[in-house]
Each structure stands twice: as structure tokens, then as C-alpha cells.
Amino acid sequence: MQIMGWVLAIGATMLVALVLALAAVSIYLAFARINRAGDQPRLIPHPGGRAVEFPVMTASRGNRTLPFHLRHGSPLPGLVRVTPDGLDYRPLRWVHVPADRILCVDVPYPSATAFFTVWVRDEPVVSVMAISRLAAEQCVVELALHHPLTPRAWELVAHRYQGGGYVPRVVSPDVARFS
């Protein structure tokens, strides 16, 4: 009788270990896919003009007051596409945010330079954690071609515009907050 209990305990432990191993392998493969892509954005064909796809650590809806608090989405790596007609992001499935609904791009925490948010009219923000500061800069610069930046977002990318002719629109976060 006692042997049967031990056999059941060992079997249950092995089953739990197998499930954990499968979860670890799937997470490893997801991050390996992102690491192979590196920080490099990809130009993709788009009928409206220039569209760029960025690999990111995570992209999800977030809370306006606590942007790190993700409302929906997945902690797995995803993609963000910046297109002339808006922003597409994929935590698990593609979500489209039309350009006319985007208020501004913000970097809510100056110390977390790989993290930025896209303020959306009448909805929560889109929170994006890039692979690195460089990847976040590239994505914010691409977003600046179509949408205004907050002063903190401008500080992140201002060095890229030194001596250039184009200067993106900079808006106060309060304007976005109450729009």
C-alpha cells in the first residue's frame, strides 16, 4: 500500500516537471526568436508608404496612471508596426490603432529608457517594452514622423535630430491626458 502511494507521488511529480519543462522550452523559443531578430527594425510593404516593424519584449494595453501595469496581452515577445495609417502591435494577435486616435508618444519613466507608451484617445495607453534603449529610440523616432511627442520622449530622441531639418511636434502630457 505504501509503495503505491510512493508511485503516485513520483508520477505526479514527474508530470508537473514535464509541464514546467514544456513551458520553459516554449518561453525560451519565443525569446530566441526575438534575439535572432536583434534590435534591427524591418521595412515592410505597405500601400500607404513607409511601414516599419520592430521586435519588442512586450506590447500591450496599459493603465494611463500605471503604464507598467499591463491590462491585456502576454508577457511573451511581440512585434510593433508603425505605419502611416496607425500603429499595429501583436502580443498574441494583431491589434490596430488608427492614426487619428493616437494622441502622443510618451516615455513615462526617464530611468526606463527601453519603455514607452502611446496615448490613445478614449482608451488605455499602448505600453511597449523594447529590447533595448536603441530599439526604443528607433521606434519613437519612427512614431515621431506621424505623431507628436511629449517632452520626455523628445529628450530620448533629441540627439538624433541635431543639425537636421525635421523637428517633431512636442506636446505637453497634460494636453494628451485631457484630450
N, C-alpha and C. Protein backbone atom coordinates (compact mmCIF):
# COMPACT_ATOMS: atom_id res chain seq x y z
N MET A 1 0.81 -1.18 0.00
CA MET A 1 0.00 0.00 0.00
C MET A 1 0.87 1.26 0.00
N GLN A 2 1.91 1.25 0.82
CA GLN A 2 2.79 2.40 0.90
C GLN A 2 3.57 2.58 -0.41
N ILE A 3 3.89 1.48 -1.07
CA ILE A 3 4.61 1.56 -2.35
C ILE A 3 3.72 2.24 -3.39
N MET A 4 2.43 1.91 -3.39
CA MET A 4 1.51 2.53 -4.35
C MET A 4 1.44 4.04 -4.13
N GLY A 5 1.47 4.50 -2.89
CA GLY A 5 1.48 5.94 -2.59
C GLY A 5 2.73 6.62 -3.13
N TRP A 6 3.87 5.94 -2.96
CA TRP A 6 5.12 6.49 -3.48
C TRP A 6 5.10 6.56 -5.01
N VAL A 7 4.57 5.55 -5.63
CA VAL A 7 4.49 5.52 -7.10
C VAL A 7 3.61 6.68 -7.59
N LEU A 8 2.47 6.90 -6.94
CA LEU A 8 1.60 8.01 -7.32
C LEU A 8 2.28 9.36 -7.10
N ALA A 9 2.98 9.52 -5.99
CA ALA A 9 3.67 10.78 -5.71
C ALA A 9 4.77 11.05 -6.73
N ILE A 10 5.53 10.03 -7.08
CA ILE A 10 6.60 10.18 -8.07
C ILE A 10 6.00 10.48 -9.45
N GLY A 11 4.92 9.80 -9.79
CA GLY A 11 4.25 10.04 -11.08
C GLY A 11 3.72 11.46 -11.18
N ALA A 12 3.10 11.96 -10.11
CA ALA A 12 2.58 13.33 -10.12
C ALA A 12 3.72 14.34 -10.22
N THR A 13 4.81 14.08 -9.51
CA THR A 13 5.97 14.97 -9.57
C THR A 13 6.56 15.01 -10.97
N MET A 14 6.65 13.85 -11.61
CA MET A 14 7.18 13.80 -12.98
C MET A 14 6.27 14.53 -13.96
N LEU A 15 4.96 14.43 -13.76
CA LEU A 15 4.01 15.12 -14.62
C LEU A 15 4.15 16.64 -14.48
N VAL A 16 4.28 17.12 -13.26
CA VAL A 16 4.48 18.55 -13.02
C VAL A 16 5.80 19.02 -13.64
N ALA A 17 6.86 18.22 -13.48
CA ALA A 17 8.15 18.57 -14.06
C ALA A 17 8.07 18.64 -15.59
N LEU A 18 7.32 17.73 -16.20
CA LEU A 18 7.16 17.73 -17.65
C LEU A 18 6.42 18.99 -18.12
N VAL A 19 5.36 19.37 -17.42
CA VAL A 19 4.61 20.57 -17.79
C VAL A 19 5.49 21.81 -17.65
N LEU A 20 6.26 21.90 -16.56
CA LEU A 20 7.16 23.04 -16.37
C LEU A 20 8.25 23.08 -17.44
N ALA A 21 8.77 21.93 -17.81
CA ALA A 21 9.79 21.87 -18.85
C ALA A 21 9.23 22.33 -20.19
N LEU A 22 8.02 21.92 -20.53
CA LEU A 22 7.40 22.35 -21.78
C LEU A 22 7.16 23.86 -21.78
N ALA A 23 6.72 24.41 -20.66
CA ALA A 23 6.52 25.86 -20.57
C ALA A 23 7.85 26.60 -20.72
N ALA A 24 8.89 26.10 -20.08
CA ALA A 24 10.21 26.73 -20.18
C ALA A 24 10.73 26.69 -21.61
N VAL A 25 10.54 25.59 -22.30
CA VAL A 25 11.00 25.47 -23.68
C VAL A 25 10.24 26.44 -24.58
N SER A 26 8.93 26.57 -24.40
CA SER A 26 8.17 27.49 -25.26
C SER A 26 8.58 28.95 -25.01
N ILE A 27 8.83 29.32 -23.76
CA ILE A 27 9.28 30.68 -23.46
C ILE A 27 10.68 30.91 -24.03
N TYR A 28 11.56 29.93 -23.90
CA TYR A 28 12.91 30.04 -24.45
C TYR A 28 12.87 30.23 -25.95
N LEU A 29 12.04 29.46 -26.65
CA LEU A 29 11.95 29.58 -28.11
C LEU A 29 11.39 30.93 -28.52
N ALA A 30 10.44 31.46 -27.75
CA ALA A 30 9.88 32.78 -28.07
C ALA A 30 10.96 33.86 -27.94
N PHE A 31 11.75 33.82 -26.87
CA PHE A 31 12.80 34.81 -26.69
C PHE A 31 13.95 34.58 -27.66
N ALA A 32 14.23 33.35 -28.03
CA ALA A 32 15.28 33.08 -29.02
C ALA A 32 14.91 33.67 -30.36
N ARG A 33 13.62 33.63 -30.71
CA ARG A 33 13.16 34.22 -31.97
C ARG A 33 13.43 35.72 -31.96
N ILE A 34 13.18 36.38 -30.84
CA ILE A 34 13.44 37.81 -30.74
C ILE A 34 14.94 38.08 -30.77
N ASN A 35 15.74 37.30 -30.06
CA ASN A 35 17.17 37.53 -30.02
C ASN A 35 17.81 37.36 -31.40
N ARG A 36 17.28 36.45 -32.21
CA ARG A 36 17.79 36.30 -33.57
C ARG A 36 17.48 37.55 -34.39
N ALA A 37 16.32 38.14 -34.14
CA ALA A 37 15.95 39.35 -34.88
C ALA A 37 16.79 40.54 -34.42
N GLY A 38 17.25 40.52 -33.18
CA GLY A 38 18.07 41.60 -32.66
C GLY A 38 17.29 42.90 -32.54
N ASP A 39 18.02 44.00 -32.52
CA ASP A 39 17.39 45.31 -32.40
C ASP A 39 16.97 45.88 -33.74
N GLN A 40 17.20 45.15 -34.81
CA GLN A 40 17.01 45.72 -36.14
C GLN A 40 15.56 45.75 -36.56
N PRO A 41 15.06 46.93 -36.91
CA PRO A 41 13.71 47.01 -37.46
C PRO A 41 13.71 46.50 -38.90
N ARG A 42 12.51 46.20 -39.39
CA ARG A 42 12.37 45.68 -40.75
C ARG A 42 11.39 46.55 -41.51
N LEU A 43 11.78 46.99 -42.71
CA LEU A 43 10.83 47.69 -43.58
C LEU A 43 9.90 46.65 -44.17
N ILE A 44 8.61 46.95 -44.14
CA ILE A 44 7.63 46.02 -44.69
C ILE A 44 6.79 46.75 -45.73
N PRO A 45 6.30 46.04 -46.73
CA PRO A 45 5.48 46.70 -47.75
C PRO A 45 4.16 47.18 -47.16
N HIS A 46 3.77 48.40 -47.55
CA HIS A 46 2.50 48.96 -47.07
C HIS A 46 1.97 49.89 -48.16
N PRO A 47 0.68 49.81 -48.47
CA PRO A 47 0.14 50.65 -49.55
C PRO A 47 0.19 52.15 -49.25
N GLY A 48 0.23 52.53 -47.98
CA GLY A 48 0.23 53.95 -47.62
C GLY A 48 1.60 54.59 -47.58
N GLY A 49 2.66 53.84 -47.77
CA GLY A 49 4.01 54.39 -47.73
C GLY A 49 4.92 53.58 -46.82
N ARG A 50 5.75 54.28 -46.06
CA ARG A 50 6.77 53.65 -45.22
C ARG A 50 6.12 52.97 -44.02
N ALA A 51 6.44 51.70 -43.82
CA ALA A 51 5.98 50.96 -42.65
C ALA A 51 7.17 50.18 -42.10
N VAL A 52 7.35 50.24 -40.79
CA VAL A 52 8.49 49.60 -40.16
C VAL A 52 7.99 48.70 -39.04
N GLU A 53 8.58 47.50 -38.96
CA GLU A 53 8.21 46.52 -37.94
C GLU A 53 9.36 46.38 -36.95
N PHE A 54 9.03 46.47 -35.67
CA PHE A 54 10.03 46.40 -34.61
C PHE A 54 9.77 45.19 -33.72
N PRO A 55 10.77 44.33 -33.46
CA PRO A 55 10.60 43.30 -32.44
C PRO A 55 10.70 43.94 -31.07
N VAL A 56 9.80 43.57 -30.17
CA VAL A 56 9.78 44.15 -28.82
C VAL A 56 9.65 43.03 -27.79
N MET A 57 10.01 43.36 -26.55
CA MET A 57 9.86 42.38 -25.47
C MET A 57 8.39 42.15 -25.17
N THR A 58 7.62 43.23 -25.10
CA THR A 58 6.18 43.10 -24.89
C THR A 58 5.48 44.36 -25.38
N ALA A 59 4.28 44.18 -25.87
CA ALA A 59 3.43 45.30 -26.29
C ALA A 59 2.01 44.95 -25.87
N SER A 60 1.40 45.84 -25.11
CA SER A 60 0.09 45.53 -24.57
C SER A 60 -0.62 46.81 -24.18
N ARG A 61 -1.91 46.70 -23.92
CA ARG A 61 -2.63 47.84 -23.35
C ARG A 61 -2.18 48.01 -21.91
N GLY A 62 -2.01 49.25 -21.52
CA GLY A 62 -1.59 49.54 -20.16
C GLY A 62 -2.51 50.55 -19.51
N ASN A 63 -2.30 50.79 -18.26
CA ASN A 63 -3.08 51.76 -17.50
C ASN A 63 -2.43 53.13 -17.66
N ARG A 64 -3.24 54.19 -17.84
CA ARG A 64 -2.66 55.52 -18.04
C ARG A 64 -1.88 56.01 -16.83
N THR A 65 -2.33 55.69 -15.64
CA THR A 65 -1.62 56.17 -14.45
C THR A 65 -0.49 55.23 -14.04
N LEU A 66 -0.60 53.96 -14.36
CA LEU A 66 0.45 52.98 -14.07
C LEU A 66 0.78 52.23 -15.37
N PRO A 67 1.58 52.82 -16.26
CA PRO A 67 1.80 52.20 -17.57
C PRO A 67 2.43 50.82 -17.52
N PHE A 68 3.21 50.51 -16.46
CA PHE A 68 3.82 49.19 -16.38
C PHE A 68 2.79 48.11 -16.05
N HIS A 69 1.63 48.53 -15.52
CA HIS A 69 0.58 47.57 -15.19
C HIS A 69 -0.18 47.22 -16.47
N LEU A 70 0.14 46.06 -17.05
CA LEU A 70 -0.46 45.68 -18.32
C LEU A 70 -1.86 45.14 -18.10
N ARG A 71 -2.81 45.63 -18.89
CA ARG A 71 -4.19 45.21 -18.75
C ARG A 71 -4.48 43.94 -19.54
N HIS A 72 -4.04 43.91 -20.77
CA HIS A 72 -4.29 42.77 -21.63
C HIS A 72 -2.98 42.45 -22.34
N GLY A 73 -2.86 41.22 -22.79
CA GLY A 73 -1.68 40.88 -23.56
C GLY A 73 -0.94 39.71 -22.97
N SER A 74 0.29 39.62 -23.36
CA SER A 74 1.11 38.48 -23.00
C SER A 74 2.48 38.96 -22.58
N PRO A 75 3.12 38.30 -21.63
CA PRO A 75 4.49 38.67 -21.28
C PRO A 75 5.51 38.16 -22.30
N LEU A 76 5.05 37.48 -23.34
CA LEU A 76 5.95 36.96 -24.36
C LEU A 76 6.31 38.06 -25.36
N PRO A 77 7.42 37.91 -26.07
CA PRO A 77 7.82 38.91 -27.06
C PRO A 77 6.78 39.09 -28.15
N GLY A 78 6.78 40.26 -28.74
CA GLY A 78 5.82 40.56 -29.79
C GLY A 78 6.43 41.46 -30.84
N LEU A 79 5.58 42.09 -31.63
CA LEU A 79 6.00 42.98 -32.71
C LEU A 79 5.18 44.26 -32.65
N VAL A 80 5.78 45.35 -33.09
CA VAL A 80 5.09 46.63 -33.24
C VAL A 80 5.35 47.10 -34.66
N ARG A 81 4.27 47.47 -35.37
CA ARG A 81 4.40 48.02 -36.72
C ARG A 81 3.95 49.47 -36.69
N VAL A 82 4.83 50.35 -37.14
CA VAL A 82 4.49 51.77 -37.28
C VAL A 82 4.20 52.01 -38.75
N THR A 83 2.95 52.37 -39.05
CA THR A 83 2.52 52.57 -40.43
C THR A 83 1.92 53.97 -40.56
N PRO A 84 1.78 54.48 -41.79
CA PRO A 84 1.17 55.80 -41.95
C PRO A 84 -0.28 55.86 -41.47
N ASP A 85 -0.97 54.72 -41.47
CA ASP A 85 -2.37 54.74 -41.03
C ASP A 85 -2.55 54.31 -39.59
N GLY A 86 -1.47 54.25 -38.81
CA GLY A 86 -1.61 53.95 -37.39
C GLY A 86 -0.51 53.08 -36.84
N LEU A 87 -0.86 52.37 -35.80
CA LEU A 87 0.08 51.51 -35.08
C LEU A 87 -0.55 50.13 -34.96
N ASP A 88 0.21 49.11 -35.29
CA ASP A 88 -0.23 47.73 -35.10
C ASP A 88 0.71 47.09 -34.10
N TYR A 89 0.16 46.34 -33.16
CA TYR A 89 1.02 45.61 -32.23
C TYR A 89 0.45 44.22 -32.03
N ARG A 90 1.34 43.30 -31.70
CA ARG A 90 0.93 41.91 -31.57
C ARG A 90 1.47 41.31 -30.28
N PRO A 91 0.64 41.28 -29.24
CA PRO A 91 1.03 40.46 -28.09
C PRO A 91 0.71 39.00 -28.41
N LEU A 92 -0.51 38.70 -28.79
CA LEU A 92 -0.92 37.36 -29.22
C LEU A 92 -1.56 37.41 -30.60
N ARG A 93 -2.34 38.46 -30.85
CA ARG A 93 -2.95 38.66 -32.17
C ARG A 93 -2.76 40.13 -32.54
N TRP A 94 -2.86 40.44 -33.81
CA TRP A 94 -2.63 41.82 -34.25
C TRP A 94 -3.76 42.73 -33.77
N VAL A 95 -3.39 43.87 -33.21
CA VAL A 95 -4.33 44.90 -32.77
C VAL A 95 -3.95 46.17 -33.53
N HIS A 96 -4.94 46.81 -34.15
CA HIS A 96 -4.68 48.03 -34.93
C HIS A 96 -5.20 49.25 -34.18
N VAL A 97 -4.36 50.28 -34.08
CA VAL A 97 -4.76 51.57 -33.50
C VAL A 97 -4.70 52.59 -34.64
N PRO A 98 -5.85 53.12 -35.08
CA PRO A 98 -5.84 54.08 -36.19
C PRO A 98 -5.06 55.35 -35.84
N ALA A 99 -4.46 55.98 -36.85
CA ALA A 99 -3.61 57.16 -36.63
C ALA A 99 -4.39 58.32 -36.02
N ASP A 100 -5.65 58.49 -36.39
CA ASP A 100 -6.41 59.62 -35.85
C ASP A 100 -6.78 59.45 -34.38
N ARG A 101 -6.58 58.28 -33.83
CA ARG A 101 -6.87 58.05 -32.41
C ARG A 101 -5.63 58.20 -31.53
N ILE A 102 -4.44 58.26 -32.14
CA ILE A 102 -3.20 58.39 -31.37
C ILE A 102 -2.99 59.85 -30.99
N LEU A 103 -2.86 60.10 -29.68
CA LEU A 103 -2.66 61.47 -29.19
C LEU A 103 -1.19 61.86 -29.18
N CYS A 104 -0.35 61.03 -28.56
CA CYS A 104 1.07 61.35 -28.48
C CYS A 104 1.85 60.12 -28.04
N VAL A 105 3.18 60.25 -28.09
CA VAL A 105 4.09 59.20 -27.64
C VAL A 105 4.80 59.73 -26.41
N ASP A 106 4.89 58.92 -25.35
CA ASP A 106 5.47 59.37 -24.09
C ASP A 106 6.47 58.35 -23.58
N VAL A 107 7.48 58.83 -22.85
CA VAL A 107 8.40 57.98 -22.11
C VAL A 107 8.12 58.29 -20.64
N PRO A 108 7.25 57.50 -19.98
CA PRO A 108 6.79 57.88 -18.64
C PRO A 108 7.86 57.84 -17.56
N TYR A 109 8.86 57.00 -17.73
CA TYR A 109 9.90 56.87 -16.72
C TYR A 109 11.25 57.14 -17.36
N PRO A 110 11.91 58.25 -17.03
CA PRO A 110 13.20 58.56 -17.65
C PRO A 110 14.27 57.50 -17.38
N SER A 111 14.15 56.78 -16.27
CA SER A 111 15.15 55.76 -15.97
C SER A 111 14.92 54.47 -16.75
N ALA A 112 13.70 54.26 -17.22
CA ALA A 112 13.39 53.05 -18.01
C ALA A 112 13.31 53.46 -19.48
N THR A 113 14.47 53.64 -20.10
CA THR A 113 14.50 54.21 -21.45
C THR A 113 14.10 53.23 -22.53
N ALA A 114 13.96 51.96 -22.22
CA ALA A 114 13.50 51.00 -23.22
C ALA A 114 11.98 50.88 -23.21
N PHE A 115 11.32 51.65 -22.35
CA PHE A 115 9.87 51.57 -22.19
C PHE A 115 9.23 52.87 -22.66
N PHE A 116 8.21 52.78 -23.48
CA PHE A 116 7.47 53.97 -23.89
C PHE A 116 6.00 53.62 -24.04
N THR A 117 5.17 54.66 -24.07
CA THR A 117 3.73 54.46 -24.20
C THR A 117 3.20 55.30 -25.35
N VAL A 118 2.14 54.82 -25.95
CA VAL A 118 1.43 55.55 -27.00
C VAL A 118 0.05 55.87 -26.44
N TRP A 119 -0.25 57.16 -26.28
CA TRP A 119 -1.54 57.58 -25.74
C TRP A 119 -2.59 57.50 -26.82
N VAL A 120 -3.71 56.85 -26.51
CA VAL A 120 -4.79 56.64 -27.47
C VAL A 120 -6.04 57.34 -26.94
N ARG A 121 -6.75 58.01 -27.84
CA ARG A 121 -7.96 58.75 -27.47
C ARG A 121 -9.03 57.79 -26.94
N ASP A 122 -9.58 58.07 -25.76
CA ASP A 122 -10.69 57.32 -25.15
C ASP A 122 -10.37 55.85 -24.87
N GLU A 123 -9.10 55.51 -24.76
CA GLU A 123 -8.71 54.13 -24.46
C GLU A 123 -7.49 54.15 -23.56
N PRO A 124 -7.13 53.00 -23.02
CA PRO A 124 -5.88 52.94 -22.27
C PRO A 124 -4.69 53.14 -23.20
N VAL A 125 -3.54 53.36 -22.63
CA VAL A 125 -2.34 53.54 -23.44
C VAL A 125 -1.87 52.20 -23.99
N VAL A 126 -1.05 52.25 -25.02
CA VAL A 126 -0.35 51.06 -25.51
C VAL A 126 1.04 51.13 -24.91
N SER A 127 1.37 50.17 -24.04
CA SER A 127 2.67 50.13 -23.37
C SER A 127 3.59 49.21 -24.15
N VAL A 128 4.80 49.70 -24.44
CA VAL A 128 5.75 48.93 -25.23
C VAL A 128 7.07 48.86 -24.48
N MET A 129 7.57 47.65 -24.25
CA MET A 129 8.90 47.45 -23.69
C MET A 129 9.78 46.94 -24.82
N ALA A 130 10.69 47.79 -25.27
CA ALA A 130 11.57 47.43 -26.38
C ALA A 130 12.69 46.52 -25.88
N ILE A 131 13.45 45.99 -26.82
CA ILE A 131 14.55 45.09 -26.48
C ILE A 131 15.67 45.86 -25.79
N SER A 132 15.91 47.09 -26.23
CA SER A 132 16.98 47.91 -25.66
C SER A 132 16.63 49.38 -25.83
N ARG A 133 17.47 50.24 -25.29
CA ARG A 133 17.26 51.68 -25.45
C ARG A 133 17.32 52.05 -26.93
N LEU A 134 18.27 51.46 -27.66
CA LEU A 134 18.41 51.76 -29.09
C LEU A 134 17.14 51.40 -29.86
N ALA A 135 16.58 50.24 -29.56
CA ALA A 135 15.35 49.82 -30.24
C ALA A 135 14.20 50.76 -29.89
N ALA A 136 14.12 51.19 -28.63
CA ALA A 136 13.07 52.13 -28.23
C ALA A 136 13.24 53.47 -28.95
N GLU A 137 14.48 53.94 -29.04
CA GLU A 137 14.75 55.19 -29.76
C GLU A 137 14.31 55.08 -31.21
N GLN A 138 14.66 53.98 -31.87
CA GLN A 138 14.29 53.81 -33.27
C GLN A 138 12.78 53.82 -33.45
N CYS A 139 12.08 53.16 -32.56
CA CYS A 139 10.62 53.10 -32.66
C CYS A 139 9.99 54.47 -32.38
N VAL A 140 10.49 55.19 -31.38
CA VAL A 140 9.96 56.52 -31.07
C VAL A 140 10.25 57.50 -32.21
N VAL A 141 11.43 57.40 -32.82
CA VAL A 141 11.76 58.26 -33.96
C VAL A 141 10.80 57.98 -35.11
N GLU A 142 10.51 56.73 -35.36
CA GLU A 142 9.58 56.37 -36.43
C GLU A 142 8.17 56.89 -36.11
N LEU A 143 7.75 56.77 -34.86
CA LEU A 143 6.44 57.29 -34.45
C LEU A 143 6.40 58.82 -34.56
N ALA A 144 7.54 59.48 -34.34
CA ALA A 144 7.59 60.95 -34.40
C ALA A 144 7.33 61.47 -35.81
N LEU A 145 7.50 60.63 -36.81
CA LEU A 145 7.20 61.07 -38.18
C LEU A 145 5.71 61.32 -38.37
N HIS A 146 4.89 60.66 -37.57
CA HIS A 146 3.44 60.74 -37.75
C HIS A 146 2.69 61.34 -36.56
N HIS A 147 3.28 61.31 -35.36
CA HIS A 147 2.55 61.67 -34.15
C HIS A 147 3.40 62.56 -33.26
N PRO A 148 2.76 63.41 -32.43
CA PRO A 148 3.52 64.28 -31.53
C PRO A 148 4.18 63.50 -30.39
N LEU A 149 5.25 64.08 -29.85
CA LEU A 149 5.98 63.50 -28.71
C LEU A 149 5.77 64.38 -27.49
N THR A 150 5.88 63.78 -26.31
CA THR A 150 5.91 64.56 -25.08
C THR A 150 7.36 65.02 -24.86
N PRO A 151 7.59 65.99 -23.97
CA PRO A 151 8.96 66.44 -23.73
C PRO A 151 9.90 65.31 -23.30
N ARG A 152 9.41 64.35 -22.52
CA ARG A 152 10.27 63.24 -22.09
C ARG A 152 10.65 62.35 -23.27
N ALA A 153 9.70 62.12 -24.18
CA ALA A 153 10.02 61.33 -25.37
C ALA A 153 10.99 62.09 -26.26
N TRP A 154 10.83 63.41 -26.33
CA TRP A 154 11.74 64.21 -27.13
C TRP A 154 13.15 64.13 -26.56
N GLU A 155 13.30 64.14 -25.23
CA GLU A 155 14.62 64.02 -24.61
C GLU A 155 15.30 62.71 -25.00
N LEU A 156 14.51 61.65 -25.15
CA LEU A 156 15.08 60.35 -25.51
C LEU A 156 15.68 60.37 -26.91
N VAL A 157 15.07 61.11 -27.83
CA VAL A 157 15.49 61.03 -29.23
C VAL A 157 16.07 62.33 -29.78
N ALA A 158 16.20 63.38 -28.97
CA ALA A 158 16.63 64.70 -29.48
C ALA A 158 18.00 64.64 -30.13
N HIS A 159 18.91 63.83 -29.61
CA HIS A 159 20.26 63.78 -30.17
C HIS A 159 20.26 63.30 -31.62
N ARG A 160 19.23 62.60 -32.06
CA ARG A 160 19.16 62.13 -33.44
C ARG A 160 18.81 63.26 -34.41
N TYR A 161 18.28 64.37 -33.90
CA TYR A 161 17.84 65.46 -34.76
C TYR A 161 18.82 66.63 -34.78
N GLN A 162 19.96 66.51 -34.13
CA GLN A 162 20.91 67.63 -34.10
C GLN A 162 21.42 67.89 -35.51
N GLY A 163 21.24 69.12 -35.95
CA GLY A 163 21.71 69.51 -37.27
C GLY A 163 20.76 69.13 -38.40
N GLY A 164 19.66 68.45 -38.07
CA GLY A 164 18.72 68.06 -39.12
C GLY A 164 17.65 69.12 -39.31
N GLY A 165 16.91 69.00 -40.38
CA GLY A 165 15.88 69.98 -40.68
C GLY A 165 14.54 69.66 -40.05
N TYR A 166 14.24 68.37 -39.84
CA TYR A 166 12.93 67.98 -39.33
C TYR A 166 12.92 68.01 -37.81
N VAL A 167 11.92 68.63 -37.23
CA VAL A 167 11.74 68.62 -35.78
C VAL A 167 10.31 68.16 -35.51
N PRO A 168 10.14 67.07 -34.76
CA PRO A 168 8.79 66.58 -34.49
C PRO A 168 8.00 67.52 -33.58
N ARG A 169 6.69 67.37 -33.61
CA ARG A 169 5.82 68.15 -32.72
C ARG A 169 5.99 67.64 -31.29
N VAL A 170 6.10 68.56 -30.35
CA VAL A 170 6.22 68.21 -28.94
C VAL A 170 5.00 68.79 -28.22
N VAL A 171 4.29 67.95 -27.48
CA VAL A 171 3.11 68.40 -26.75
C VAL A 171 3.28 68.11 -25.27
N SER A 172 2.54 68.82 -24.46
CA SER A 172 2.55 68.59 -23.02
C SER A 172 1.78 67.32 -22.71
N PRO A 173 2.23 66.52 -21.73
CA PRO A 173 1.46 65.33 -21.35
C PRO A 173 0.06 65.69 -20.86
N ASP A 174 -0.12 66.91 -20.32
CA ASP A 174 -1.44 67.32 -19.85
C ASP A 174 -2.41 67.47 -21.01
N VAL A 175 -1.92 67.92 -22.16
CA VAL A 175 -2.77 68.04 -23.34
C VAL A 175 -3.30 66.67 -23.73
N ALA A 176 -2.41 65.68 -23.71
CA ALA A 176 -2.83 64.32 -24.06
C ALA A 176 -3.74 63.74 -22.99
N ARG A 177 -3.45 64.04 -21.74
CA ARG A 177 -4.22 63.45 -20.66
C ARG A 177 -5.68 63.88 -20.70
N PHE A 178 -5.95 65.12 -21.11
CA PHE A 178 -7.31 65.63 -21.07
C PHE A 178 -7.96 65.71 -22.44
N SER A 179 -7.34 65.13 -23.45
CA SER A 179 -7.93 65.15 -24.80
C SER A 179 -8.94 64.05 -24.94
